[in-house]
Amino acid sequence: MVELKMLRQKIFGLCLLALFSSSLFIQFGICQEGLEESTTYQISIDGAGSATWIIERRFILSSEEEVTIFESYIIEFESQKVEYLEEFSNETEILVDRGSLITGRSMRAENFDVTIGLLETATASYGVIKFQYDWIGFAKIEEERIAVGDVFEGGFYLYKDDTLIVEYPQEFSIQAVSPLPDEERESEQALLWYGRRNFGGGEPIIILITANIESENNLQNSMLLIFAVILIVLLIFIMLWVFRRRNGKKKLVNGSLKKEKFEIKSDEDKVVELLHNIGGQIYQSMITKRLEFSKAKTSILLKGMEKKGLVKRKKMGREVIVTLL
C-alpha cells in the first residue's frame, strides 16, 4: 500500500505540475527522477479563438510489478475521480484566470475531464493519464485573424520526449509562426514542436488568417505582379524605341540630314513666314519673342529686310509695327 500511495502521489503531482508556470516546471524536473515519462500537449483551436486542451502523460512501466501497481492505482483513481477532477479544475481555473489578467480578455475554463488507463504496445507498456478541458477565449481575435501566444507569459517548456501540438481550424491558414515548428502537418492542419525546448515569453506565437484575407493577399500579389510585368514591358518598349530612333538618326547622317542642311530656313524666311501666318502685320517685340531672337538681332535683321523692300517698319508709341510688303 505504501508503494501504491507513493505512485499515486507521484503520478498525479507530475500531471498537475506539467500544466502550469515555469517555476512549477522546475519542480517537476526534480520530481520526475526515477520514473520515465513523456507529455503530449495538444491544443485544438476553433474559429472563435477558444481551444480544447488535452494533456496526455505516459509513464513507462518497465516491469510486471510496475504494471500491477499501476493497475491498482487505476482502481483507486477511479474511486476518487471526483476529487481528482475537482483538484484539476481548480488548478486549471487559476491558470486561466491568470491568463485573463495578463491579456485583459474574458476567459473561462469548462468541460473538465480526467481519464486513466493502460496502453500496451509491441515494445512497452504505458500508464496513461489524460487531462482535458476547454479554454474559452484562449486566443486573441483580430478581425479575421487569430493570434495565439499572449497567454504564455512565462513561455513554455518541453522536456525531452515531450511534444506540443497546435491544431487550427480548416478555414484558416498560417500567416506567421515563431519559433518555427519542428514539423508541420498540412493535411491535419497541425504544428508540432518536440522537446527538449524552452520557448521564450509569449511563445509560441501563431498568427492565423481566414481564407478571405489570404485570397485578398493573393489578389494583391497578383495585381502587383501584373503591374510589374506591364511596367517591364513598357520599359522594354521605350528602350527599343529609343534605340531605333538613335540608330535611325545615325543612318540619316549620310542621307536625309544632308538634304535638311540645304532646306534650313534663313532668319529672313522665318520673319516672312511669321508675318504671313498672322496676317502681314506684327509688333517688332513679338517677332523677338516668337522667333527667340535678341532685340539687337531683330532690329538689325528688320533694318536689312526693310532696305530690301521685304517689310516696312512704323513707330507707334513705344512699339514698332512691322508690315509685310
C-alpha atoms as a PDB file:
ATOM      1  CA  MET A   1       0.000   0.000   0.000  1.00  0.00           C
ATOM      2  CA  VAL A   2       2.927   2.344   0.657  1.00  0.00           C
ATOM      3  CA  GLU A   3       4.203   1.809  -2.890  1.00  0.00           C
ATOM      4  CA  LEU A   4       0.722   2.391  -4.307  1.00  0.00           C
ATOM      5  CA  LYS A   5       0.323   5.632  -2.349  1.00  0.00           C
ATOM      6  CA  MET A   6       3.747   6.883  -3.436  1.00  0.00           C
ATOM      7  CA  LEU A   7       2.994   6.076  -7.083  1.00  0.00           C
ATOM      8  CA  ARG A   8      -0.421   7.765  -6.868  1.00  0.00           C
ATOM      9  CA  GLN A   9       1.080  10.940  -5.360  1.00  0.00           C
ATOM     10  CA  LYS A  10       3.942  10.946  -7.844  1.00  0.00           C
ATOM     11  CA  ILE A  11       1.816  10.453 -10.972  1.00  0.00           C
ATOM     12  CA  PHE A  12      -0.921  12.919 -10.130  1.00  0.00           C
ATOM     13  CA  GLY A  13       1.534  15.514  -8.826  1.00  0.00           C
ATOM     14  CA  LEU A  14       3.570  15.295 -12.015  1.00  0.00           C
ATOM     15  CA  CYS A  15       0.494  15.732 -14.199  1.00  0.00           C
ATOM     16  CA  LEU A  16      -0.663  18.830 -12.355  1.00  0.00           C
ATOM     17  CA  LEU A  17       2.807  20.329 -12.340  1.00  0.00           C
ATOM     18  CA  ALA A  18       3.021  19.855 -16.101  1.00  0.00           C
ATOM     19  CA  LEU A  19       0.111  22.238 -16.601  1.00  0.00           C
ATOM     20  CA  PHE A  20       1.333  25.425 -15.047  1.00  0.00           C
ATOM     21  CA  SER A  21       4.067  28.055 -14.668  1.00  0.00           C
ATOM     22  CA  SER A  22       7.759  27.740 -15.445  1.00  0.00           C
ATOM     23  CA  SER A  23       8.619  27.689 -11.732  1.00  0.00           C
ATOM     24  CA  LEU A  24       6.477  24.576 -11.315  1.00  0.00           C
ATOM     25  CA  PHE A  25       8.168  23.001 -14.336  1.00  0.00           C
ATOM     26  CA  ILE A  26      11.405  23.262 -12.414  1.00  0.00           C
ATOM     27  CA  GLN A  27       9.798  21.426  -9.508  1.00  0.00           C
ATOM     28  CA  PHE A  28       8.535  18.835 -11.976  1.00  0.00           C
ATOM     29  CA  GLY A  29      12.067  18.351 -13.273  1.00  0.00           C
ATOM     30  CA  ILE A  30      13.191  17.431  -9.763  1.00  0.00           C
ATOM     31  CA  CYS A  31      10.251  15.123  -9.058  1.00  0.00           C
ATOM     32  CA  GLN A  32      10.478  13.103 -12.247  1.00  0.00           C
ATOM     33  CA  GLU A  33      13.669  11.342 -11.270  1.00  0.00           C
ATOM     34  CA  GLY A  34      13.313   7.569 -11.265  1.00  0.00           C
ATOM     35  CA  LEU A  35      10.243   7.322 -13.480  1.00  0.00           C
ATOM     36  CA  GLU A  36      10.388   7.634 -17.259  1.00  0.00           C
ATOM     37  CA  GLU A  37       7.539   9.631 -18.703  1.00  0.00           C
ATOM     38  CA  SER A  38       6.581  11.916 -21.565  1.00  0.00           C
ATOM     39  CA  THR A  39       3.886  14.518 -22.033  1.00  0.00           C
ATOM     40  CA  THR A  40       1.944  15.494 -25.128  1.00  0.00           C
ATOM     41  CA  TYR A  41       0.192  18.855 -25.085  1.00  0.00           C
ATOM     42  CA  GLN A  42      -2.491  19.071 -27.750  1.00  0.00           C
ATOM     43  CA  ILE A  43      -4.162  22.478 -28.251  1.00  0.00           C
ATOM     44  CA  SER A  44      -7.035  22.444 -30.749  1.00  0.00           C
ATOM     45  CA  ILE A  45      -8.102  25.993 -31.619  1.00  0.00           C
ATOM     46  CA  ASP A  46     -11.536  26.789 -33.037  1.00  0.00           C
ATOM     47  CA  GLY A  47     -12.641  29.713 -35.212  1.00  0.00           C
ATOM     48  CA  ALA A  48     -13.827  31.711 -32.182  1.00  0.00           C
ATOM     49  CA  GLY A  49     -10.398  31.702 -30.521  1.00  0.00           C
ATOM     50  CA  SER A  50     -11.244  29.105 -27.877  1.00  0.00           C
ATOM     51  CA  ALA A  51      -9.196  25.923 -27.507  1.00  0.00           C
ATOM     52  CA  THR A  52      -9.583  22.363 -26.304  1.00  0.00           C
ATOM     53  CA  TRP A  53      -6.542  21.337 -24.269  1.00  0.00           C
ATOM     54  CA  ILE A  54      -5.578  17.678 -23.949  1.00  0.00           C
ATOM     55  CA  ILE A  55      -2.584  16.883 -21.744  1.00  0.00           C
ATOM     56  CA  GLU A  56      -1.633  13.226 -22.098  1.00  0.00           C
ATOM     57  CA  ARG A  57       1.022  11.895 -19.770  1.00  0.00           C
ATOM     58  CA  ARG A  58       2.591   8.493 -20.392  1.00  0.00           C
ATOM     59  CA  PHE A  59       4.613   6.564 -17.845  1.00  0.00           C
ATOM     60  CA  ILE A  60       6.774   3.656 -18.968  1.00  0.00           C
ATOM     61  CA  LEU A  61       6.017   0.563 -16.891  1.00  0.00           C
ATOM     62  CA  SER A  62       9.175  -1.446 -17.303  1.00  0.00           C
ATOM     63  CA  SER A  63       8.252  -4.468 -15.180  1.00  0.00           C
ATOM     64  CA  GLU A  64       5.265  -6.634 -14.321  1.00  0.00           C
ATOM     65  CA  GLU A  65       5.422  -5.267 -10.791  1.00  0.00           C
ATOM     66  CA  GLU A  66       5.025  -1.686 -12.031  1.00  0.00           C
ATOM     67  CA  VAL A  67       2.106  -2.741 -14.267  1.00  0.00           C
ATOM     68  CA  THR A  68       0.412  -4.389 -11.291  1.00  0.00           C
ATOM     69  CA  ILE A  69       0.956  -1.321  -9.123  1.00  0.00           C
ATOM     70  CA  PHE A  70      -0.434   0.939 -11.827  1.00  0.00           C
ATOM     71  CA  GLU A  71      -3.486  -1.305 -12.262  1.00  0.00           C
ATOM     72  CA  SER A  72      -4.121  -0.974  -8.550  1.00  0.00           C
ATOM     73  CA  TYR A  73      -3.703   2.763  -8.856  1.00  0.00           C
ATOM     74  CA  ILE A  74      -6.303   2.851 -11.656  1.00  0.00           C
ATOM     75  CA  ILE A  75      -8.849   1.275  -9.293  1.00  0.00           C
ATOM     76  CA  GLU A  76      -8.061   3.786  -6.564  1.00  0.00           C
ATOM     77  CA  PHE A  77      -8.044   6.652  -9.085  1.00  0.00           C
ATOM     78  CA  GLU A  78     -11.499   5.765 -10.384  1.00  0.00           C
ATOM     79  CA  SER A  79     -12.843   5.594  -6.844  1.00  0.00           C
ATOM     80  CA  GLN A  80     -11.550   9.113  -6.151  1.00  0.00           C
ATOM     81  CA  LYS A  81     -12.008  10.572  -9.637  1.00  0.00           C
ATOM     82  CA  VAL A  82     -14.395  13.266  -8.432  1.00  0.00           C
ATOM     83  CA  GLU A  83     -11.793  14.612  -6.003  1.00  0.00           C
ATOM     84  CA  TYR A  84      -9.037  14.448  -8.627  1.00  0.00           C
ATOM     85  CA  LEU A  85     -11.243  16.177 -11.185  1.00  0.00           C
ATOM     86  CA  GLU A  86     -12.086  18.925  -8.717  1.00  0.00           C
ATOM     87  CA  GLU A  87      -8.416  19.471  -7.929  1.00  0.00           C
ATOM     88  CA  PHE A  88      -7.578  19.555 -11.630  1.00  0.00           C
ATOM     89  CA  SER A  89     -10.382  22.034 -12.419  1.00  0.00           C
ATOM     90  CA  ASN A  90      -9.399  24.319  -9.506  1.00  0.00           C
ATOM     91  CA  GLU A  91      -5.759  24.449 -10.598  1.00  0.00           C
ATOM     92  CA  THR A  92      -6.734  24.995 -14.233  1.00  0.00           C
ATOM     93  CA  GLU A  93      -9.117  27.827 -13.353  1.00  0.00           C
ATOM     94  CA  ILE A  94      -6.257  29.553 -11.538  1.00  0.00           C
ATOM     95  CA  LEU A  95      -4.171  29.218 -14.695  1.00  0.00           C
ATOM     96  CA  VAL A  96      -6.973  30.579 -16.917  1.00  0.00           C
ATOM     97  CA  ASP A  97      -7.713  33.462 -14.517  1.00  0.00           C
ATOM     98  CA  ARG A  98      -4.029  34.353 -14.658  1.00  0.00           C
ATOM     99  CA  GLY A  99      -4.204  34.348 -18.473  1.00  0.00           C
ATOM    100  CA  SER A 100      -7.236  36.639 -18.366  1.00  0.00           C
ATOM    101  CA  LEU A 101      -5.397  39.040 -16.062  1.00  0.00           C
ATOM    102  CA  ILE A 102      -2.354  39.096 -18.333  1.00  0.00           C
ATOM    103  CA  THR A 103      -4.213  39.626 -21.588  1.00  0.00           C
ATOM    104  CA  GLY A 104      -7.200  41.674 -20.416  1.00  0.00           C
ATOM    105  CA  ARG A 105      -9.581  39.277 -22.181  1.00  0.00           C
ATOM    106  CA  SER A 106     -12.532  37.485 -20.675  1.00  0.00           C
ATOM    107  CA  MET A 107     -11.654  33.805 -20.213  1.00  0.00           C
ATOM    108  CA  ARG A 108     -13.036  30.742 -18.528  1.00  0.00           C
ATOM    109  CA  ALA A 109     -12.352  27.005 -18.327  1.00  0.00           C
ATOM    110  CA  GLU A 110     -15.048  24.371 -18.682  1.00  0.00           C
ATOM    111  CA  ASN A 111     -15.780  20.741 -19.691  1.00  0.00           C
ATOM    112  CA  PHE A 112     -13.110  19.193 -17.452  1.00  0.00           C
ATOM    113  CA  ASP A 113     -12.300  15.514 -17.736  1.00  0.00           C
ATOM    114  CA  VAL A 114      -9.625  13.159 -16.439  1.00  0.00           C
ATOM    115  CA  THR A 115      -9.134   9.581 -17.654  1.00  0.00           C
ATOM    116  CA  ILE A 116      -6.625   6.880 -16.789  1.00  0.00           C
ATOM    117  CA  GLY A 117      -5.685   3.554 -18.362  1.00  0.00           C
ATOM    118  CA  LEU A 118      -3.062   1.109 -19.561  1.00  0.00           C
ATOM    119  CA  LEU A 119      -1.629   1.122 -23.077  1.00  0.00           C
ATOM    120  CA  GLU A 120       0.073  -1.996 -24.363  1.00  0.00           C
ATOM    121  CA  THR A 121       2.341  -1.762 -27.427  1.00  0.00           C
ATOM    122  CA  ALA A 122       4.650  -4.251 -29.106  1.00  0.00           C
ATOM    123  CA  THR A 123       7.649  -2.796 -27.302  1.00  0.00           C
ATOM    124  CA  ALA A 124       6.407  -1.457 -23.975  1.00  0.00           C
ATOM    125  CA  SER A 125       3.566  -0.947 -21.514  1.00  0.00           C
ATOM    126  CA  TYR A 126       2.449   2.530 -20.533  1.00  0.00           C
ATOM    127  CA  GLY A 127       0.314   4.003 -17.847  1.00  0.00           C
ATOM    128  CA  VAL A 128      -1.617   6.847 -19.424  1.00  0.00           C
ATOM    129  CA  ILE A 129      -3.362   9.757 -17.705  1.00  0.00           C
ATOM    130  CA  LYS A 130      -5.220  12.235 -19.860  1.00  0.00           C
ATOM    131  CA  PHE A 131      -6.432  15.657 -18.720  1.00  0.00           C
ATOM    132  CA  GLN A 132      -8.841  17.619 -20.901  1.00  0.00           C
ATOM    133  CA  TYR A 133     -10.687  20.945 -20.732  1.00  0.00           C
ATOM    134  CA  ASP A 134     -11.922  23.791 -22.928  1.00  0.00           C
ATOM    135  CA  TRP A 135     -10.225  27.179 -22.575  1.00  0.00           C
ATOM    136  CA  ILE A 136     -12.743  29.806 -23.709  1.00  0.00           C
ATOM    137  CA  GLY A 137     -11.092  33.000 -25.012  1.00  0.00           C
ATOM    138  CA  PHE A 138      -7.674  31.338 -25.264  1.00  0.00           C
ATOM    139  CA  ALA A 139      -6.536  33.226 -28.414  1.00  0.00           C
ATOM    140  CA  LYS A 140      -6.928  36.854 -29.453  1.00  0.00           C
ATOM    141  CA  ILE A 141      -9.381  37.612 -32.268  1.00  0.00           C
ATOM    142  CA  GLU A 142      -8.354  40.476 -34.587  1.00  0.00           C
ATOM    143  CA  GLU A 143     -10.993  40.954 -37.315  1.00  0.00           C
ATOM    144  CA  GLU A 144     -10.426  37.838 -39.457  1.00  0.00           C
ATOM    145  CA  ARG A 145      -7.196  36.866 -37.678  1.00  0.00           C
ATOM    146  CA  ILE A 146      -6.486  34.663 -34.668  1.00  0.00           C
ATOM    147  CA  ALA A 147      -3.363  35.424 -32.626  1.00  0.00           C
ATOM    148  CA  VAL A 148      -2.055  32.705 -30.299  1.00  0.00           C
ATOM    149  CA  GLY A 149       0.641  33.185 -27.677  1.00  0.00           C
ATOM    150  CA  ASP A 150      -0.187  36.085 -25.376  1.00  0.00           C
ATOM    151  CA  VAL A 151      -1.326  33.749 -22.569  1.00  0.00           C
ATOM    152  CA  PHE A 152       2.156  32.193 -22.372  1.00  0.00           C
ATOM    153  CA  GLU A 153       3.514  34.861 -20.046  1.00  0.00           C
ATOM    154  CA  GLY A 154       6.476  32.835 -18.876  1.00  0.00           C
ATOM    155  CA  GLY A 155       6.937  30.949 -22.127  1.00  0.00           C
ATOM    156  CA  PHE A 156       6.503  27.198 -22.419  1.00  0.00           C
ATOM    157  CA  TYR A 157       8.893  24.367 -21.634  1.00  0.00           C
ATOM    158  CA  LEU A 158       9.103  20.910 -23.171  1.00  0.00           C
ATOM    159  CA  TYR A 159      11.224  18.241 -21.559  1.00  0.00           C
ATOM    160  CA  LYS A 160      12.945  15.507 -23.517  1.00  0.00           C
ATOM    161  CA  ASP A 161      10.389  13.324 -25.332  1.00  0.00           C
ATOM    162  CA  ASP A 162       7.623  15.902 -24.731  1.00  0.00           C
ATOM    163  CA  THR A 163       5.542  17.153 -27.658  1.00  0.00           C
ATOM    164  CA  LEU A 164       3.452  20.274 -28.258  1.00  0.00           C
ATOM    165  CA  ILE A 165       0.769  20.013 -30.948  1.00  0.00           C
ATOM    166  CA  VAL A 166      -1.258  23.034 -32.031  1.00  0.00           C
ATOM    167  CA  GLU A 167      -4.184  22.320 -34.351  1.00  0.00           C
ATOM    168  CA  TYR A 168      -6.034  25.101 -36.163  1.00  0.00           C
ATOM    169  CA  PRO A 169      -9.423  25.176 -37.971  1.00  0.00           C
ATOM    170  CA  GLN A 170      -9.846  24.270 -41.630  1.00  0.00           C
ATOM    171  CA  GLU A 171     -10.989  27.727 -42.728  1.00  0.00           C
ATOM    172  CA  PHE A 172      -7.738  29.304 -41.500  1.00  0.00           C
ATOM    173  CA  SER A 173      -4.160  29.245 -42.729  1.00  0.00           C
ATOM    174  CA  ILE A 174      -0.878  30.251 -41.102  1.00  0.00           C
ATOM    175  CA  GLN A 175       0.340  33.794 -41.679  1.00  0.00           C
ATOM    176  CA  ALA A 176       3.235  33.717 -39.200  1.00  0.00           C
ATOM    177  CA  VAL A 177       4.680  31.395 -36.553  1.00  0.00           C
ATOM    178  CA  SER A 178       7.582  31.760 -34.116  1.00  0.00           C
ATOM    179  CA  PRO A 179       9.633  29.835 -33.372  1.00  0.00           C
ATOM    180  CA  LEU A 180       9.363  27.664 -36.460  1.00  0.00           C
ATOM    181  CA  PRO A 181       7.846  24.241 -35.690  1.00  0.00           C
ATOM    182  CA  ASP A 182       9.850  21.052 -35.944  1.00  0.00           C
ATOM    183  CA  GLU A 183       7.100  19.579 -38.091  1.00  0.00           C
ATOM    184  CA  GLU A 184       4.070  20.909 -39.974  1.00  0.00           C
ATOM    185  CA  ARG A 185       1.271  18.542 -40.969  1.00  0.00           C
ATOM    186  CA  GLU A 186      -0.742  20.476 -43.535  1.00  0.00           C
ATOM    187  CA  SER A 187      -3.257  17.680 -44.084  1.00  0.00           C
ATOM    188  CA  GLU A 188      -4.068  17.707 -40.353  1.00  0.00           C
ATOM    189  CA  GLN A 189      -3.596  21.483 -40.030  1.00  0.00           C
ATOM    190  CA  ALA A 190      -1.212  20.952 -37.144  1.00  0.00           C
ATOM    191  CA  LEU A 191       2.113  22.381 -35.960  1.00  0.00           C
ATOM    192  CA  LEU A 192       4.440  20.261 -33.808  1.00  0.00           C
ATOM    193  CA  TRP A 193       7.362  21.098 -31.540  1.00  0.00           C
ATOM    194  CA  TYR A 194       9.473  18.435 -29.810  1.00  0.00           C
ATOM    195  CA  GLY A 195      11.389  18.648 -26.558  1.00  0.00           C
ATOM    196  CA  ARG A 196      13.771  19.460 -25.178  1.00  0.00           C
ATOM    197  CA  ARG A 197      12.778  23.077 -25.957  1.00  0.00           C
ATOM    198  CA  ASN A 198      12.480  26.283 -23.945  1.00  0.00           C
ATOM    199  CA  PHE A 199      10.098  28.822 -25.516  1.00  0.00           C
ATOM    200  CA  GLY A 200      10.555  32.496 -24.703  1.00  0.00           C
ATOM    201  CA  GLY A 201       7.933  34.701 -23.074  1.00  0.00           C
ATOM    202  CA  GLY A 202       4.774  34.909 -25.180  1.00  0.00           C
ATOM    203  CA  GLU A 203       5.836  31.925 -27.300  1.00  0.00           C
ATOM    204  CA  PRO A 204       4.916  30.025 -29.312  1.00  0.00           C
ATOM    205  CA  ILE A 205       3.340  32.791 -31.426  1.00  0.00           C
ATOM    206  CA  ILE A 206       0.938  31.721 -34.161  1.00  0.00           C
ATOM    207  CA  ILE A 207      -0.999  34.107 -36.416  1.00  0.00           C
ATOM    208  CA  LEU A 208      -3.863  32.556 -38.369  1.00  0.00           C
ATOM    209  CA  ILE A 209      -5.801  34.250 -41.165  1.00  0.00           C
ATOM    210  CA  THR A 210      -9.046  33.322 -42.863  1.00  0.00           C
ATOM    211  CA  ALA A 211      -9.216  32.185 -46.459  1.00  0.00           C
ATOM    212  CA  ASN A 212     -10.782  35.574 -47.360  1.00  0.00           C
ATOM    213  CA  ILE A 213      -7.734  37.508 -46.209  1.00  0.00           C
ATOM    214  CA  GLU A 214      -5.436  35.008 -47.900  1.00  0.00           C
ATOM    215  CA  SER A 215      -7.430  35.420 -51.133  1.00  0.00           C
ATOM    216  CA  GLU A 216      -7.208  39.199 -50.831  1.00  0.00           C
ATOM    217  CA  ASN A 217      -3.463  38.957 -50.244  1.00  0.00           C
ATOM    218  CA  ASN A 218      -3.114  36.625 -53.222  1.00  0.00           C
ATOM    219  CA  LEU A 219      -5.162  39.046 -55.340  1.00  0.00           C
ATOM    220  CA  GLN A 220      -2.993  41.957 -54.250  1.00  0.00           C
ATOM    221  CA  ASN A 221       0.133  39.961 -55.001  1.00  0.00           C
ATOM    222  CA  SER A 222      -1.277  39.020 -58.421  1.00  0.00           C
ATOM    223  CA  MET A 223      -2.122  42.648 -59.170  1.00  0.00           C
ATOM    224  CA  LEU A 224       1.367  43.728 -58.147  1.00  0.00           C
ATOM    225  CA  LEU A 225       2.846  41.013 -60.341  1.00  0.00           C
ATOM    226  CA  ILE A 226       0.711  42.096 -63.308  1.00  0.00           C
ATOM    227  CA  PHE A 227       1.661  45.730 -62.730  1.00  0.00           C
ATOM    228  CA  ALA A 228       5.336  44.783 -62.563  1.00  0.00           C
ATOM    229  CA  VAL A 229       5.075  42.809 -65.823  1.00  0.00           C
ATOM    230  CA  ILE A 230       3.317  45.717 -67.580  1.00  0.00           C
ATOM    231  CA  LEU A 231       5.954  48.125 -66.283  1.00  0.00           C
ATOM    232  CA  ILE A 232       8.763  45.895 -67.535  1.00  0.00           C
ATOM    233  CA  VAL A 233       7.100  45.564 -70.964  1.00  0.00           C
ATOM    234  CA  LEU A 234       6.713  49.348 -71.192  1.00  0.00           C
ATOM    235  CA  LEU A 235      10.338  49.877 -70.220  1.00  0.00           C
ATOM    236  CA  ILE A 236      11.463  47.388 -72.864  1.00  0.00           C
ATOM    237  CA  PHE A 237       9.253  49.105 -75.465  1.00  0.00           C
ATOM    238  CA  ILE A 238      10.670  52.527 -74.562  1.00  0.00           C
ATOM    239  CA  MET A 239      14.232  51.223 -74.681  1.00  0.00           C
ATOM    240  CA  LEU A 240      13.622  49.679 -78.116  1.00  0.00           C
ATOM    241  CA  TRP A 241      12.011  52.898 -79.359  1.00  0.00           C
ATOM    242  CA  VAL A 242      14.949  54.998 -78.134  1.00  0.00           C
ATOM    243  CA  PHE A 243      17.423  52.553 -79.634  1.00  0.00           C
ATOM    244  CA  ARG A 244      15.704  52.562 -83.028  1.00  0.00           C
ATOM    245  CA  ARG A 245      15.408  56.333 -83.005  1.00  0.00           C
ATOM    246  CA  ARG A 246      19.089  56.786 -82.269  1.00  0.00           C
ATOM    247  CA  ASN A 247      20.026  54.161 -84.796  1.00  0.00           C
ATOM    248  CA  GLY A 248      17.768  55.829 -87.389  1.00  0.00           C
ATOM    249  CA  LYS A 249      19.377  59.209 -86.780  1.00  0.00           C
ATOM    250  CA  LYS A 250      22.822  57.710 -87.365  1.00  0.00           C
ATOM    251  CA  LYS A 251      21.677  56.242 -90.681  1.00  0.00           C
ATOM    252  CA  LEU A 252      20.349  59.602 -91.786  1.00  0.00           C
ATOM    253  CA  VAL A 253      23.638  61.391 -91.251  1.00  0.00           C
ATOM    254  CA  ASN A 254      24.828  60.486 -94.731  1.00  0.00           C
ATOM    255  CA  GLY A 255      21.389  60.872 -96.324  1.00  0.00           C
ATOM    256  CA  SER A 256      18.401  62.866 -95.233  1.00  0.00           C
ATOM    257  CA  LEU A 257      20.224  65.078 -92.786  1.00  0.00           C
ATOM    258  CA  LYS A 258      22.483  66.383 -95.549  1.00  0.00           C
ATOM    259  CA  LYS A 259      19.421  67.424 -97.528  1.00  0.00           C
ATOM    260  CA  GLU A 260      17.989  69.126 -94.462  1.00  0.00           C
ATOM    261  CA  LYS A 261      21.080  71.346 -94.315  1.00  0.00           C
ATOM    262  CA  PHE A 262      20.105  72.851 -97.681  1.00  0.00           C
ATOM    263  CA  GLU A 263      16.494  73.210 -96.595  1.00  0.00           C
ATOM    264  CA  ILE A 264      17.181  75.158 -93.388  1.00  0.00           C
ATOM    265  CA  LYS A 265      15.263  78.420 -93.376  1.00  0.00           C
ATOM    266  CA  SER A 266      17.090  81.726 -93.105  1.00  0.00           C
ATOM    267  CA  ASP A 267      16.174  84.250 -90.422  1.00  0.00           C
ATOM    268  CA  GLU A 268      14.550  86.451 -93.089  1.00  0.00           C
ATOM    269  CA  ASP A 269      12.425  83.478 -94.254  1.00  0.00           C
ATOM    270  CA  LYS A 270      11.318  82.907 -90.691  1.00  0.00           C
ATOM    271  CA  VAL A 271      10.210  86.540 -90.306  1.00  0.00           C
ATOM    272  CA  VAL A 272       8.365  86.488 -93.635  1.00  0.00           C
ATOM    273  CA  GLU A 273       6.623  83.200 -92.729  1.00  0.00           C
ATOM    274  CA  LEU A 274       5.620  84.590 -89.325  1.00  0.00           C
ATOM    275  CA  LEU A 275       4.185  87.771 -90.840  1.00  0.00           C
ATOM    276  CA  HIS A 276       2.333  85.766 -93.476  1.00  0.00           C
ATOM    277  CA  ASN A 277       0.800  83.425 -90.893  1.00  0.00           C
ATOM    278  CA  ILE A 278      -0.583  86.227 -88.688  1.00  0.00           C
ATOM    279  CA  GLY A 279      -1.985  88.416 -91.467  1.00  0.00           C
ATOM    280  CA  GLY A 280       1.018  90.510 -92.534  1.00  0.00           C
ATOM    281  CA  GLN A 281       1.482  92.759 -89.519  1.00  0.00           C
ATOM    282  CA  ILE A 282       3.034  92.330 -86.067  1.00  0.00           C
ATOM    283  CA  TYR A 283       4.860  94.185 -83.351  1.00  0.00           C
ATOM    284  CA  GLN A 284       8.651  94.020 -83.559  1.00  0.00           C
ATOM    285  CA  SER A 285       8.764  92.857 -79.910  1.00  0.00           C
ATOM    286  CA  MET A 286       6.556  89.893 -80.832  1.00  0.00           C
ATOM    287  CA  ILE A 287       8.998  88.853 -83.544  1.00  0.00           C
ATOM    288  CA  THR A 288      11.750  88.871 -80.944  1.00  0.00           C
ATOM    289  CA  LYS A 289       9.682  86.750 -78.594  1.00  0.00           C
ATOM    290  CA  ARG A 290       8.246  84.220 -81.069  1.00  0.00           C
ATOM    291  CA  LEU A 291      11.455  83.639 -83.022  1.00  0.00           C
ATOM    292  CA  GLU A 292      13.547  83.756 -79.857  1.00  0.00           C
ATOM    293  CA  PHE A 293      15.899  86.392 -81.277  1.00  0.00           C
ATOM    294  CA  SER A 294      17.683  89.000 -79.246  1.00  0.00           C
ATOM    295  CA  LYS A 295      16.386  92.573 -79.539  1.00  0.00           C
ATOM    296  CA  ALA A 296      19.581  93.651 -81.261  1.00  0.00           C
ATOM    297  CA  LYS A 297      19.437  90.781 -83.769  1.00  0.00           C
ATOM    298  CA  THR A 298      15.787  91.521 -84.559  1.00  0.00           C
ATOM    299  CA  SER A 299      16.471  95.213 -85.104  1.00  0.00           C
ATOM    300  CA  ILE A 300      19.447  94.601 -87.423  1.00  0.00           C
ATOM    301  CA  LEU A 301      17.561  91.858 -89.328  1.00  0.00           C
ATOM    302  CA  LEU A 302      14.450  94.022 -89.919  1.00  0.00           C
ATOM    303  CA  LYS A 303      16.548  97.017 -90.938  1.00  0.00           C
ATOM    304  CA  GLY A 304      18.192  94.892 -93.640  1.00  0.00           C
ATOM    305  CA  MET A 305      14.841  93.468 -94.782  1.00  0.00           C
ATOM    306  CA  GLU A 306      13.400  96.978 -94.964  1.00  0.00           C
ATOM    307  CA  LYS A 307      16.235  98.034 -97.278  1.00  0.00           C
ATOM    308  CA  LYS A 308      15.478  95.019 -99.474  1.00  0.00           C
ATOM    309  CA  GLY A 309      11.830  96.071 -99.628  1.00  0.00           C
ATOM    310  CA  LEU A 310      10.542  92.973 -97.850  1.00  0.00           C
ATOM    311  CA  VAL A 311       8.996  94.720 -94.861  1.00  0.00           C
ATOM    312  CA  LYS A 312       8.082  98.188 -93.660  1.00  0.00           C
ATOM    313  CA  ARG A 313       8.515  99.435 -90.101  1.00  0.00           C
ATOM    314  CA  LYS A 314       6.490 102.177 -88.423  1.00  0.00           C
ATOM    315  CA  LYS A 315       6.936 103.502 -84.883  1.00  0.00           C
ATOM    316  CA  MET A 316       3.761 103.691 -82.849  1.00  0.00           C
ATOM    317  CA  GLY A 317       4.278 104.868 -79.258  1.00  0.00           C
ATOM    318  CA  ARG A 318       6.830 102.672 -77.632  1.00  0.00           C
ATOM    319  CA  GLU A 319       6.261  99.859 -80.115  1.00  0.00           C
ATOM    320  CA  VAL A 320       7.380  99.340 -83.705  1.00  0.00           C
ATOM    321  CA  ILE A 321       4.873  97.806 -86.134  1.00  0.00           C
ATOM    322  CA  VAL A 322       6.338  95.598 -88.854  1.00  0.00           C
ATOM    323  CA  THR A 323       4.280  95.145 -92.038  1.00  0.00           C
ATOM    324  CA  LEU A 324       4.916  92.571 -94.761  1.00  0.00           C
ATOM    325  CA  LEU A 325       5.180  94.107 -98.267  1.00  0.00           C
END
